[in-house]
N, C-alpha and C. Protein backbone atom coordinates (compact mmCIF):
# COMPACT_ATOMS: atom_id res chain seq x y z
N MET A 1 0.90 -1.14 0.10
CA MET A 1 -0.03 0.01 -0.03
C MET A 1 0.90 1.21 0.05
N ALA A 2 0.58 2.18 -0.84
CA ALA A 2 1.30 3.46 -0.91
C ALA A 2 1.16 4.31 0.16
N LYS A 3 2.25 5.04 0.64
CA LYS A 3 2.07 5.84 1.76
C LYS A 3 1.39 7.25 1.41
N LYS A 4 0.25 7.60 1.98
CA LYS A 4 -0.43 8.82 1.67
C LYS A 4 0.37 9.97 2.31
N GLU A 5 0.47 11.00 1.24
CA GLU A 5 1.29 12.28 1.71
C GLU A 5 0.25 13.02 2.53
N LEU A 6 0.96 13.32 3.72
CA LEU A 6 0.09 13.93 4.94
C LEU A 6 0.34 15.44 4.92
N THR A 7 1.29 15.88 4.38
CA THR A 7 1.78 17.40 4.46
C THR A 7 1.23 18.12 3.24
N ILE A 8 0.72 19.45 3.59
CA ILE A 8 0.21 20.30 2.62
C ILE A 8 1.34 20.98 1.74
N ASN A 9 1.14 20.92 0.49
CA ASN A 9 2.30 21.66 -0.31
C ASN A 9 1.62 22.39 -1.43
N ALA A 10 2.51 23.14 -2.25
CA ALA A 10 1.97 24.04 -3.16
C ALA A 10 1.09 23.30 -4.25
N LYS A 11 1.13 22.08 -4.54
CA LYS A 11 0.34 21.46 -5.49
C LYS A 11 -1.06 21.34 -5.04
N ASP A 12 -1.33 21.43 -3.87
CA ASP A 12 -2.69 21.52 -3.17
C ASP A 12 -3.57 22.70 -3.50
N PHE A 13 -2.77 23.73 -4.19
CA PHE A 13 -3.62 25.04 -4.38
C PHE A 13 -3.38 25.27 -5.84
N ASN A 14 -4.47 26.08 -6.34
CA ASN A 14 -4.52 26.45 -7.76
C ASN A 14 -3.66 27.76 -7.83
N LEU A 15 -2.52 27.76 -8.13
CA LEU A 15 -1.72 29.06 -8.10
C LEU A 15 -1.71 29.72 -9.40
N ASP A 16 -2.34 29.10 -10.49
CA ASP A 16 -2.65 29.54 -11.79
C ASP A 16 -3.65 30.72 -11.88
N ASN A 17 -4.75 30.61 -11.01
CA ASN A 17 -5.83 31.55 -11.33
C ASN A 17 -5.62 32.91 -10.27
N ILE A 18 -4.77 33.64 -10.78
CA ILE A 18 -4.55 34.86 -10.03
C ILE A 18 -5.32 36.10 -10.55
N GLY A 19 -5.96 36.07 -11.66
CA GLY A 19 -6.63 37.15 -12.22
C GLY A 19 -6.70 37.04 -13.72
N THR A 20 -7.67 37.72 -14.22
CA THR A 20 -7.77 37.81 -15.75
C THR A 20 -7.31 39.08 -16.42
N THR A 21 -7.38 40.21 -15.79
CA THR A 21 -7.04 41.36 -16.25
C THR A 21 -6.01 42.04 -15.48
N PHE A 22 -5.01 42.70 -16.07
CA PHE A 22 -3.87 43.40 -15.19
C PHE A 22 -3.42 44.81 -15.80
N GLU A 23 -3.05 45.64 -14.95
CA GLU A 23 -2.53 46.90 -15.31
C GLU A 23 -0.94 46.71 -15.36
N LEU A 24 -0.40 47.07 -16.69
CA LEU A 24 1.01 46.95 -16.84
C LEU A 24 1.70 48.04 -16.12
N LEU A 25 2.62 47.61 -15.13
CA LEU A 25 3.42 48.75 -14.37
C LEU A 25 4.79 48.85 -14.99
N ASP A 26 5.36 47.71 -15.60
CA ASP A 26 6.71 48.01 -16.19
C ASP A 26 6.92 46.73 -17.13
N LEU A 27 7.87 47.07 -18.10
CA LEU A 27 8.03 46.00 -19.11
C LEU A 27 9.64 46.25 -19.53
N TYR A 28 10.25 44.98 -19.33
CA TYR A 28 11.80 45.02 -19.65
C TYR A 28 12.12 43.70 -20.33
N PRO A 29 13.29 43.62 -20.99
CA PRO A 29 13.64 42.42 -21.56
C PRO A 29 14.35 41.60 -20.59
N VAL A 30 14.27 40.05 -21.05
CA VAL A 30 14.85 39.10 -20.27
C VAL A 30 16.15 38.59 -21.31
N PHE A 31 17.39 38.70 -20.78
CA PHE A 31 18.48 38.19 -21.54
C PHE A 31 18.83 36.75 -21.32
N ASN A 32 19.33 36.04 -22.39
CA ASN A 32 19.82 34.75 -22.31
C ASN A 32 20.97 34.63 -21.12
N GLN A 33 21.06 33.51 -20.44
CA GLN A 33 22.00 33.24 -19.44
C GLN A 33 22.94 32.17 -19.98
N VAL A 34 24.12 32.38 -19.79
CA VAL A 34 25.14 31.25 -19.97
C VAL A 34 25.99 30.87 -18.81
N ASP A 35 26.57 29.87 -18.70
CA ASP A 35 27.47 29.51 -17.51
C ASP A 35 28.68 30.46 -17.68
N ASN A 36 29.08 30.87 -16.41
CA ASN A 36 30.10 31.80 -16.13
C ASN A 36 31.32 30.82 -16.08
N LEU A 37 32.41 30.82 -16.98
CA LEU A 37 33.49 29.95 -16.94
C LEU A 37 34.62 30.81 -16.54
N ASP A 38 35.65 30.08 -16.02
CA ASP A 38 36.99 30.66 -15.53
C ASP A 38 37.81 30.53 -16.79
N GLU A 39 39.04 31.12 -16.46
CA GLU A 39 40.07 31.32 -17.59
C GLU A 39 40.33 29.96 -18.33
N ASN A 40 40.08 28.73 -17.70
CA ASN A 40 40.43 27.41 -17.99
C ASN A 40 39.16 26.76 -18.74
N GLY A 41 38.05 27.39 -19.00
CA GLY A 41 36.84 26.91 -19.32
C GLY A 41 35.92 26.14 -18.41
N ASN A 42 36.36 26.07 -17.25
CA ASN A 42 35.56 25.34 -16.11
C ASN A 42 34.52 26.09 -15.57
N GLN A 43 33.41 25.50 -15.20
CA GLN A 43 32.14 26.18 -14.65
C GLN A 43 32.61 26.74 -13.38
N GLN A 44 31.96 27.85 -12.85
CA GLN A 44 32.34 28.54 -11.74
C GLN A 44 31.02 28.33 -10.90
N PHE A 45 31.25 28.16 -9.41
CA PHE A 45 29.95 27.83 -8.57
C PHE A 45 30.05 28.94 -7.36
N TYR A 46 28.99 29.22 -7.08
CA TYR A 46 28.73 30.04 -5.70
C TYR A 46 29.05 29.03 -4.52
N LYS A 47 29.19 29.60 -3.34
CA LYS A 47 29.55 28.65 -2.16
C LYS A 47 28.33 27.81 -1.84
N ASN A 48 27.19 28.19 -2.26
CA ASN A 48 26.02 27.16 -1.94
C ASN A 48 25.99 26.21 -2.92
N GLY A 49 26.91 26.14 -3.89
CA GLY A 49 26.90 25.12 -5.02
C GLY A 49 26.11 25.22 -6.33
N ASN A 50 25.41 26.53 -6.29
CA ASN A 50 24.74 26.89 -7.50
C ASN A 50 25.67 27.29 -8.65
N VAL A 51 25.49 26.99 -10.04
CA VAL A 51 26.41 27.37 -10.97
C VAL A 51 26.25 28.97 -11.19
N MET A 52 27.42 29.62 -11.41
CA MET A 52 27.33 30.99 -11.66
C MET A 52 27.19 31.20 -13.18
N THR A 53 26.21 32.11 -13.49
CA THR A 53 25.68 32.50 -14.86
C THR A 53 26.00 33.93 -15.06
N LYS A 54 26.12 34.32 -16.37
CA LYS A 54 26.12 35.80 -16.74
C LYS A 54 25.09 35.96 -17.92
N GLU A 55 24.56 37.30 -18.17
CA GLU A 55 23.77 37.51 -19.15
C GLU A 55 24.54 37.88 -20.51
N THR A 56 24.00 37.33 -21.52
CA THR A 56 24.49 37.75 -22.90
C THR A 56 23.72 38.95 -23.42
N ASP A 57 23.98 39.36 -24.72
CA ASP A 57 23.19 40.41 -25.27
C ASP A 57 21.91 40.01 -26.00
N GLU A 58 21.69 38.68 -25.96
CA GLU A 58 20.66 38.04 -26.61
C GLU A 58 19.34 38.14 -25.82
N ILE A 59 18.28 38.74 -26.42
CA ILE A 59 16.96 38.90 -25.75
C ILE A 59 16.21 37.57 -25.99
N THR A 60 15.77 36.92 -24.71
CA THR A 60 15.00 35.59 -24.93
C THR A 60 13.46 35.93 -24.64
N GLY A 61 13.22 36.96 -24.07
CA GLY A 61 11.72 37.20 -23.70
C GLY A 61 11.45 38.54 -23.14
N TYR A 62 10.36 38.80 -22.45
CA TYR A 62 10.04 40.02 -21.77
C TYR A 62 9.26 39.72 -20.51
N MET A 63 9.57 40.49 -19.48
CA MET A 63 9.00 40.36 -18.11
C MET A 63 8.04 41.56 -18.07
N TYR A 64 6.89 41.27 -17.72
CA TYR A 64 5.73 42.19 -17.56
C TYR A 64 5.49 42.19 -16.02
N ALA A 65 5.87 43.45 -15.43
CA ALA A 65 5.28 43.80 -13.99
C ALA A 65 3.99 44.24 -14.19
N VAL A 66 3.10 43.49 -13.27
CA VAL A 66 1.52 43.96 -13.47
C VAL A 66 0.91 44.06 -12.06
N LYS A 67 -0.16 44.74 -12.00
CA LYS A 67 -1.07 44.81 -10.83
C LYS A 67 -2.26 44.05 -11.22
N VAL A 68 -2.81 43.15 -10.44
CA VAL A 68 -3.96 42.51 -10.63
C VAL A 68 -5.19 43.39 -10.42
N LEU A 69 -6.02 43.37 -11.53
CA LEU A 69 -7.22 44.15 -11.47
C LEU A 69 -8.54 43.65 -11.17
N ASP A 70 -8.57 42.38 -10.92
CA ASP A 70 -9.96 41.62 -10.57
C ASP A 70 -9.49 40.27 -9.79
N GLY A 71 -10.51 39.62 -9.18
CA GLY A 71 -10.45 38.39 -8.54
C GLY A 71 -9.85 38.65 -7.16
N LYS A 72 -9.72 37.55 -6.52
CA LYS A 72 -9.20 37.67 -5.01
C LYS A 72 -7.79 38.27 -4.72
N PHE A 73 -7.12 38.47 -5.62
CA PHE A 73 -5.78 39.03 -5.51
C PHE A 73 -5.74 40.56 -6.14
N LYS A 74 -6.90 40.97 -6.26
CA LYS A 74 -7.01 42.50 -6.70
C LYS A 74 -6.01 43.44 -6.02
N ARG A 75 -5.35 44.24 -6.70
CA ARG A 75 -4.50 45.08 -6.26
C ARG A 75 -2.98 44.58 -5.86
N LYS A 76 -2.84 43.32 -5.99
CA LYS A 76 -1.56 42.63 -5.67
C LYS A 76 -0.66 42.95 -6.90
N THR A 77 0.62 42.76 -6.92
CA THR A 77 1.46 42.94 -7.95
C THR A 77 2.32 41.52 -8.17
N GLN A 78 2.69 41.34 -9.46
CA GLN A 78 3.30 40.19 -9.85
C GLN A 78 4.04 40.33 -11.16
N THR A 79 5.03 39.59 -11.42
CA THR A 79 5.76 39.60 -12.64
C THR A 79 5.36 38.32 -13.56
N VAL A 80 5.35 38.59 -14.70
CA VAL A 80 4.85 37.39 -15.76
C VAL A 80 5.90 37.55 -16.79
N LYS A 81 6.58 36.22 -17.13
CA LYS A 81 7.59 36.27 -18.23
C LYS A 81 6.90 35.65 -19.51
N ILE A 82 7.05 36.19 -20.69
CA ILE A 82 6.69 35.79 -21.96
C ILE A 82 7.88 35.60 -22.73
N ASN A 83 8.07 34.26 -23.22
CA ASN A 83 9.31 33.93 -24.01
C ASN A 83 9.08 34.47 -25.38
N GLY A 84 10.06 34.92 -26.12
CA GLY A 84 9.99 35.31 -27.49
C GLY A 84 10.50 36.73 -27.64
N ILE A 85 10.85 37.11 -28.91
CA ILE A 85 11.58 38.61 -28.87
C ILE A 85 10.55 39.75 -29.33
N ASP A 86 9.10 39.41 -29.43
CA ASP A 86 8.32 40.39 -29.80
C ASP A 86 7.55 40.96 -28.61
N PRO A 87 7.93 42.02 -28.06
CA PRO A 87 7.12 42.52 -26.87
C PRO A 87 5.66 43.01 -27.30
N LEU A 88 4.75 43.11 -26.34
CA LEU A 88 3.42 43.68 -26.66
C LEU A 88 3.47 44.94 -27.37
N MET A 89 4.37 45.85 -26.85
CA MET A 89 4.61 47.15 -27.37
C MET A 89 6.00 47.59 -27.13
N THR A 90 6.56 48.73 -27.74
CA THR A 90 7.82 49.09 -27.42
C THR A 90 7.83 49.68 -26.03
N ILE A 91 8.99 49.83 -25.35
CA ILE A 91 9.08 50.22 -24.00
C ILE A 91 8.81 51.73 -24.09
N GLU A 92 9.21 52.37 -25.21
CA GLU A 92 8.86 53.83 -25.33
C GLU A 92 7.49 54.17 -25.38
N LYS A 93 6.83 53.37 -26.04
CA LYS A 93 5.27 53.46 -26.18
C LYS A 93 4.54 53.37 -24.83
N PHE A 94 5.05 52.22 -24.02
CA PHE A 94 4.59 51.86 -22.75
C PHE A 94 4.81 53.19 -21.83
N TYR A 95 6.01 53.66 -21.75
CA TYR A 95 6.41 54.93 -20.91
C TYR A 95 5.56 56.17 -21.25
N ASN A 96 4.96 56.24 -22.57
CA ASN A 96 4.27 57.34 -23.09
C ASN A 96 2.78 57.12 -22.95
N SER A 97 2.34 55.99 -22.27
CA SER A 97 0.84 55.63 -22.14
C SER A 97 0.50 55.54 -20.73
N ASP A 98 -0.85 55.69 -20.63
CA ASP A 98 -1.48 55.77 -19.17
C ASP A 98 -2.18 54.44 -19.08
N ASP A 99 -2.22 53.88 -17.97
CA ASP A 99 -3.22 52.74 -17.66
C ASP A 99 -3.23 51.73 -18.78
N VAL A 100 -2.23 51.06 -18.96
CA VAL A 100 -2.18 49.99 -19.96
C VAL A 100 -2.77 48.78 -19.43
N LYS A 101 -3.82 48.24 -19.97
CA LYS A 101 -4.55 47.04 -19.45
C LYS A 101 -4.24 45.89 -20.30
N ILE A 102 -3.81 44.69 -19.77
CA ILE A 102 -3.32 43.58 -20.66
C ILE A 102 -4.13 42.24 -20.08
N LYS A 103 -4.09 41.19 -20.92
CA LYS A 103 -4.67 39.87 -20.63
C LYS A 103 -3.41 39.02 -21.27
N PHE A 104 -3.37 37.78 -20.40
CA PHE A 104 -2.38 36.88 -20.66
C PHE A 104 -3.12 35.52 -21.25
N GLU A 105 -2.53 34.87 -22.09
CA GLU A 105 -2.97 33.58 -22.54
C GLU A 105 -2.18 32.54 -21.94
N ASN A 106 -2.84 31.51 -21.40
CA ASN A 106 -2.29 30.35 -20.62
C ASN A 106 -1.34 30.83 -19.44
N LEU A 107 -1.78 31.68 -18.63
CA LEU A 107 -1.03 31.98 -17.50
C LEU A 107 -0.86 30.96 -16.50
N ARG A 108 0.19 30.67 -15.90
CA ARG A 108 0.57 29.58 -15.18
C ARG A 108 1.66 29.92 -14.25
N ASN A 109 1.68 29.25 -12.99
CA ASN A 109 2.72 29.44 -12.08
C ASN A 109 3.88 28.51 -12.48
N SER A 110 5.10 29.19 -12.71
CA SER A 110 6.19 28.31 -13.02
C SER A 110 7.20 27.99 -12.17
N TYR A 111 7.12 28.70 -11.05
CA TYR A 111 8.20 28.44 -9.88
C TYR A 111 7.77 29.01 -8.60
N ILE A 112 8.21 28.31 -7.57
CA ILE A 112 8.00 28.65 -6.35
C ILE A 112 9.32 28.77 -5.55
N GLY A 113 9.73 29.94 -5.08
CA GLY A 113 11.06 30.18 -4.46
C GLY A 113 11.12 29.71 -3.11
N GLN A 114 12.30 29.54 -2.59
CA GLN A 114 12.51 29.02 -1.25
C GLN A 114 11.89 30.02 -0.29
N ASN A 115 11.70 31.19 -0.58
CA ASN A 115 11.11 32.20 0.27
C ASN A 115 9.60 32.34 0.17
N GLY A 116 9.01 31.62 -0.60
CA GLY A 116 7.54 31.45 -0.98
C GLY A 116 7.18 32.32 -2.23
N SER A 117 8.13 33.16 -2.62
CA SER A 117 7.84 33.98 -3.84
C SER A 117 7.32 33.05 -5.05
N LEU A 118 6.51 33.58 -6.00
CA LEU A 118 6.01 33.01 -6.99
C LEU A 118 6.43 33.52 -8.36
N SER A 119 6.83 32.77 -9.24
CA SER A 119 7.29 33.15 -10.63
C SER A 119 6.08 32.71 -11.62
N TYR A 120 5.63 33.49 -12.51
CA TYR A 120 4.67 33.28 -13.52
C TYR A 120 5.29 33.36 -15.03
N LEU A 121 4.57 32.57 -15.72
CA LEU A 121 4.82 32.36 -17.22
C LEU A 121 3.59 32.35 -17.84
N ALA A 122 3.50 32.83 -19.16
CA ALA A 122 2.35 32.81 -20.06
C ALA A 122 2.78 32.67 -21.53
N ASP A 123 1.96 32.17 -22.37
CA ASP A 123 2.18 31.91 -23.79
C ASP A 123 2.21 33.16 -24.67
N SER A 124 1.38 34.15 -24.18
CA SER A 124 1.26 35.39 -24.84
C SER A 124 0.59 36.38 -24.22
N VAL A 125 0.63 37.78 -24.63
CA VAL A 125 -0.03 38.75 -23.95
C VAL A 125 -0.78 39.66 -24.98
N SER A 126 -1.95 40.28 -24.62
CA SER A 126 -2.58 41.05 -25.52
C SER A 126 -3.12 42.29 -24.75
N LEU A 127 -3.56 43.30 -25.49
CA LEU A 127 -4.11 44.39 -24.82
C LEU A 127 -5.58 44.03 -24.45
N ALA A 128 -6.13 44.61 -23.37
CA ALA A 128 -7.44 44.38 -22.94
C ALA A 128 -8.16 45.50 -23.71
N ASP A 129 -9.63 45.31 -23.73
CA ASP A 129 -10.43 45.89 -24.60
C ASP A 129 -10.45 47.50 -24.20
N ASP A 130 -10.51 47.72 -22.93
CA ASP A 130 -10.72 49.13 -22.41
C ASP A 130 -9.35 49.87 -22.07
N ASN A 131 -8.54 49.94 -23.30
CA ASN A 131 -7.26 50.80 -22.95
C ASN A 131 -7.51 52.33 -23.72
N LYS A 132 -6.82 53.20 -22.99
CA LYS A 132 -6.94 54.56 -23.57
C LYS A 132 -5.49 55.07 -23.73
N PHE A 133 -5.08 55.28 -25.11
CA PHE A 133 -3.84 55.66 -25.41
C PHE A 133 -3.80 57.10 -25.69
N LYS A 134 -2.71 57.87 -25.57
CA LYS A 134 -2.64 59.25 -25.82
C LYS A 134 -2.80 59.56 -27.37
N LYS A 135 -3.48 60.57 -27.67
CA LYS A 135 -3.79 60.93 -29.23
C LYS A 135 -2.47 60.86 -30.05
N SER A 136 -1.37 61.36 -29.39
CA SER A 136 -0.10 61.31 -30.24
C SER A 136 0.19 60.05 -30.68
N ASP A 137 -0.05 59.01 -29.83
CA ASP A 137 0.50 57.69 -30.17
C ASP A 137 -0.40 57.15 -31.38
N GLU A 138 -1.83 57.47 -31.41
CA GLU A 138 -2.65 57.06 -32.50
C GLU A 138 -2.36 57.73 -33.77
N LYS A 139 -1.95 59.09 -33.85
CA LYS A 139 -1.52 59.64 -34.93
C LYS A 139 -0.26 59.22 -35.48
N ALA A 140 0.70 58.77 -34.62
CA ALA A 140 1.97 58.37 -35.16
C ALA A 140 1.76 57.00 -35.59
N GLY A 141 0.60 56.24 -35.49
CA GLY A 141 0.53 54.84 -35.89
C GLY A 141 1.28 53.90 -35.04
N LYS A 142 1.54 54.06 -33.88
CA LYS A 142 2.25 53.24 -32.92
C LYS A 142 1.39 52.24 -32.12
């Protein structure tokens, strides 16, 4: 007979359902990480045993810092990573816009840190229907 798990863990909760509409607070690129090698080509390690890495110039995705606008986590903030090199909008357009509302496709929890922090991943991102962009953006075709 298999031993039944008696402790509660993160798999007992639906961590994917954190909301459906979000306000975009920040947008920034995610760069490819490669192993940090010493002069002899050997991997370098931190004292805790983790492999040291460094960023390259290659963008592999974008991180979206958001505020949840609905559901039980309303007003909470979170970051969501989207893999791929095409952001929802340019960073310049985002900084020149007010109250950008977005939605994610296939939003899911991807990692739970040792301190309990959550990381999220989604397949894609789109603008929500009720966005208001500045008139200068519309005229410029951005």
